[in-house]
Amino acid sequence: MGLIVGLLIIWLILAVLGFAVKGLFWLAIIGLVLFVATGAIGWIRRRGSIKS
């Protein structure tokens, strides 16, 4: 769980940095995509472990 939270924080920082620096818009897009993907994976794993 700590790894997923750490990754979410890193992806969020990358997204904010990409939006803050005009030339790094691609970094914001990658950061947002990775943030959503990591959140979805963490949610699925957590949901699966609760049912077991």
N, C-alpha and C. Protein backbone atom coordinates (compact mmCIF):
# COMPACT_ATOMS: atom_id res chain seq x y z
N MET A 1 0.83 -1.20 0.00
CA MET A 1 0.00 0.00 0.00
C MET A 1 0.88 1.25 0.00
N GLY A 2 1.97 1.22 0.71
CA GLY A 2 2.86 2.37 0.76
C GLY A 2 3.49 2.67 -0.58
N LEU A 3 3.80 1.60 -1.34
CA LEU A 3 4.37 1.79 -2.67
C LEU A 3 3.39 2.50 -3.60
N ILE A 4 2.15 2.12 -3.54
CA ILE A 4 1.14 2.74 -4.41
C ILE A 4 0.94 4.20 -4.03
N VAL A 5 0.90 4.50 -2.76
CA VAL A 5 0.76 5.90 -2.33
C VAL A 5 1.97 6.71 -2.78
N GLY A 6 3.15 6.13 -2.65
CA GLY A 6 4.37 6.81 -3.10
C GLY A 6 4.34 7.09 -4.59
N LEU A 7 3.92 6.11 -5.38
CA LEU A 7 3.81 6.31 -6.82
C LEU A 7 2.77 7.37 -7.17
N LEU A 8 1.65 7.36 -6.46
CA LEU A 8 0.62 8.36 -6.72
C LEU A 8 1.15 9.77 -6.47
N ILE A 9 1.93 9.92 -5.41
CA ILE A 9 2.51 11.23 -5.10
C ILE A 9 3.49 11.66 -6.19
N ILE A 10 4.33 10.71 -6.64
CA ILE A 10 5.30 11.03 -7.70
C ILE A 10 4.58 11.43 -8.98
N TRP A 11 3.57 10.69 -9.38
CA TRP A 11 2.84 11.00 -10.62
C TRP A 11 2.14 12.34 -10.50
N LEU A 12 1.60 12.64 -9.34
CA LEU A 12 0.92 13.92 -9.15
C LEU A 12 1.91 15.08 -9.25
N ILE A 13 3.08 14.91 -8.68
CA ILE A 13 4.11 15.95 -8.78
C ILE A 13 4.52 16.16 -10.23
N LEU A 14 4.70 15.08 -10.98
CA LEU A 14 5.05 15.20 -12.39
C LEU A 14 3.96 15.92 -13.17
N ALA A 15 2.70 15.63 -12.87
CA ALA A 15 1.61 16.28 -13.58
C ALA A 15 1.58 17.77 -13.27
N VAL A 16 1.73 18.15 -12.02
CA VAL A 16 1.71 19.56 -11.64
C VAL A 16 2.89 20.28 -12.26
N LEU A 17 4.05 19.65 -12.24
CA LEU A 17 5.24 20.25 -12.85
C LEU A 17 5.04 20.45 -14.34
N GLY A 18 4.43 19.50 -15.00
CA GLY A 18 4.18 19.62 -16.44
C GLY A 18 3.23 20.76 -16.77
N PHE A 19 2.22 20.97 -15.94
CA PHE A 19 1.30 22.08 -16.18
C PHE A 19 1.93 23.42 -15.82
N ALA A 20 2.83 23.43 -14.84
CA ALA A 20 3.45 24.68 -14.41
C ALA A 20 4.44 25.20 -15.45
N VAL A 21 5.18 24.28 -16.06
CA VAL A 21 6.17 24.67 -17.06
C VAL A 21 5.54 24.46 -18.44
N LYS A 22 5.36 25.53 -19.17
CA LYS A 22 4.61 25.50 -20.42
C LYS A 22 5.18 24.48 -21.41
N GLY A 23 6.48 24.35 -21.50
CA GLY A 23 7.10 23.44 -22.46
C GLY A 23 7.02 21.98 -22.08
N LEU A 24 6.60 21.69 -20.85
CA LEU A 24 6.56 20.31 -20.38
C LEU A 24 5.13 19.77 -20.29
N PHE A 25 4.30 20.16 -21.24
CA PHE A 25 2.91 19.70 -21.23
C PHE A 25 2.83 18.18 -21.35
N TRP A 26 3.74 17.60 -22.12
CA TRP A 26 3.76 16.14 -22.29
C TRP A 26 4.01 15.44 -20.96
N LEU A 27 4.79 16.08 -20.09
CA LEU A 27 5.06 15.51 -18.78
C LEU A 27 3.79 15.48 -17.94
N ALA A 28 2.97 16.51 -18.08
CA ALA A 28 1.71 16.54 -17.35
C ALA A 28 0.78 15.42 -17.81
N ILE A 29 0.72 15.20 -19.10
CA ILE A 29 -0.14 14.14 -19.63
C ILE A 29 0.33 12.77 -19.14
N ILE A 30 1.64 12.53 -19.22
CA ILE A 30 2.18 11.25 -18.74
C ILE A 30 1.93 11.09 -17.24
N GLY A 31 2.13 12.16 -16.48
CA GLY A 31 1.89 12.10 -15.04
C GLY A 31 0.45 11.79 -14.70
N LEU A 32 -0.48 12.41 -15.42
CA LEU A 32 -1.90 12.15 -15.17
C LEU A 32 -2.29 10.72 -15.54
N VAL A 33 -1.79 10.24 -16.68
CA VAL A 33 -2.10 8.87 -17.10
C VAL A 33 -1.55 7.87 -16.08
N LEU A 34 -0.32 8.05 -15.64
CA LEU A 34 0.26 7.14 -14.66
C LEU A 34 -0.44 7.24 -13.31
N PHE A 35 -0.88 8.44 -12.93
CA PHE A 35 -1.62 8.63 -11.68
C PHE A 35 -2.91 7.83 -11.70
N VAL A 36 -3.66 7.96 -12.79
CA VAL A 36 -4.93 7.24 -12.91
C VAL A 36 -4.70 5.73 -12.96
N ALA A 37 -3.68 5.29 -13.71
CA ALA A 37 -3.41 3.86 -13.81
C ALA A 37 -3.00 3.27 -12.45
N THR A 38 -2.13 3.97 -11.75
CA THR A 38 -1.69 3.48 -10.44
C THR A 38 -2.85 3.45 -9.44
N GLY A 39 -3.68 4.48 -9.47
CA GLY A 39 -4.85 4.51 -8.60
C GLY A 39 -5.80 3.37 -8.90
N ALA A 40 -6.02 3.08 -10.18
CA ALA A 40 -6.92 1.99 -10.56
C ALA A 40 -6.35 0.64 -10.12
N ILE A 41 -5.07 0.44 -10.31
CA ILE A 41 -4.44 -0.82 -9.89
C ILE A 41 -4.53 -0.98 -8.38
N GLY A 42 -4.24 0.07 -7.65
CA GLY A 42 -4.34 0.01 -6.19
C GLY A 42 -5.75 -0.25 -5.71
N TRP A 43 -6.72 0.36 -6.37
CA TRP A 43 -8.13 0.17 -5.99
C TRP A 43 -8.56 -1.26 -6.25
N ILE A 44 -8.15 -1.82 -7.41
CA ILE A 44 -8.52 -3.19 -7.74
C ILE A 44 -7.87 -4.17 -6.78
N ARG A 45 -6.60 -3.98 -6.47
CA ARG A 45 -5.91 -4.89 -5.55
C ARG A 45 -6.51 -4.80 -4.14
N ARG A 46 -6.81 -3.60 -3.71
CA ARG A 46 -7.38 -3.43 -2.36
C ARG A 46 -8.77 -4.04 -2.29
N ARG A 47 -9.55 -3.84 -3.32
CA ARG A 47 -10.91 -4.39 -3.37
C ARG A 47 -10.88 -5.90 -3.38
N GLY A 48 -9.90 -6.47 -4.12
CA GLY A 48 -9.76 -7.93 -4.17
C GLY A 48 -9.34 -8.53 -2.86
N SER A 49 -8.49 -7.83 -2.10
CA SER A 49 -8.01 -8.37 -0.84
C SER A 49 -9.08 -8.28 0.26
N ILE A 50 -10.01 -7.36 0.14
CA ILE A 50 -11.08 -7.24 1.14
C ILE A 50 -12.06 -8.39 1.01
N LYS A 51 -12.37 -8.80 -0.22
CA LYS A 51 -13.32 -9.90 -0.44
C LYS A 51 -12.77 -11.25 -0.01
N SER A 52 -11.46 -11.42 -0.03
CA SER A 52 -10.87 -12.72 0.28
C SER A 52 -10.99 -13.06 1.74
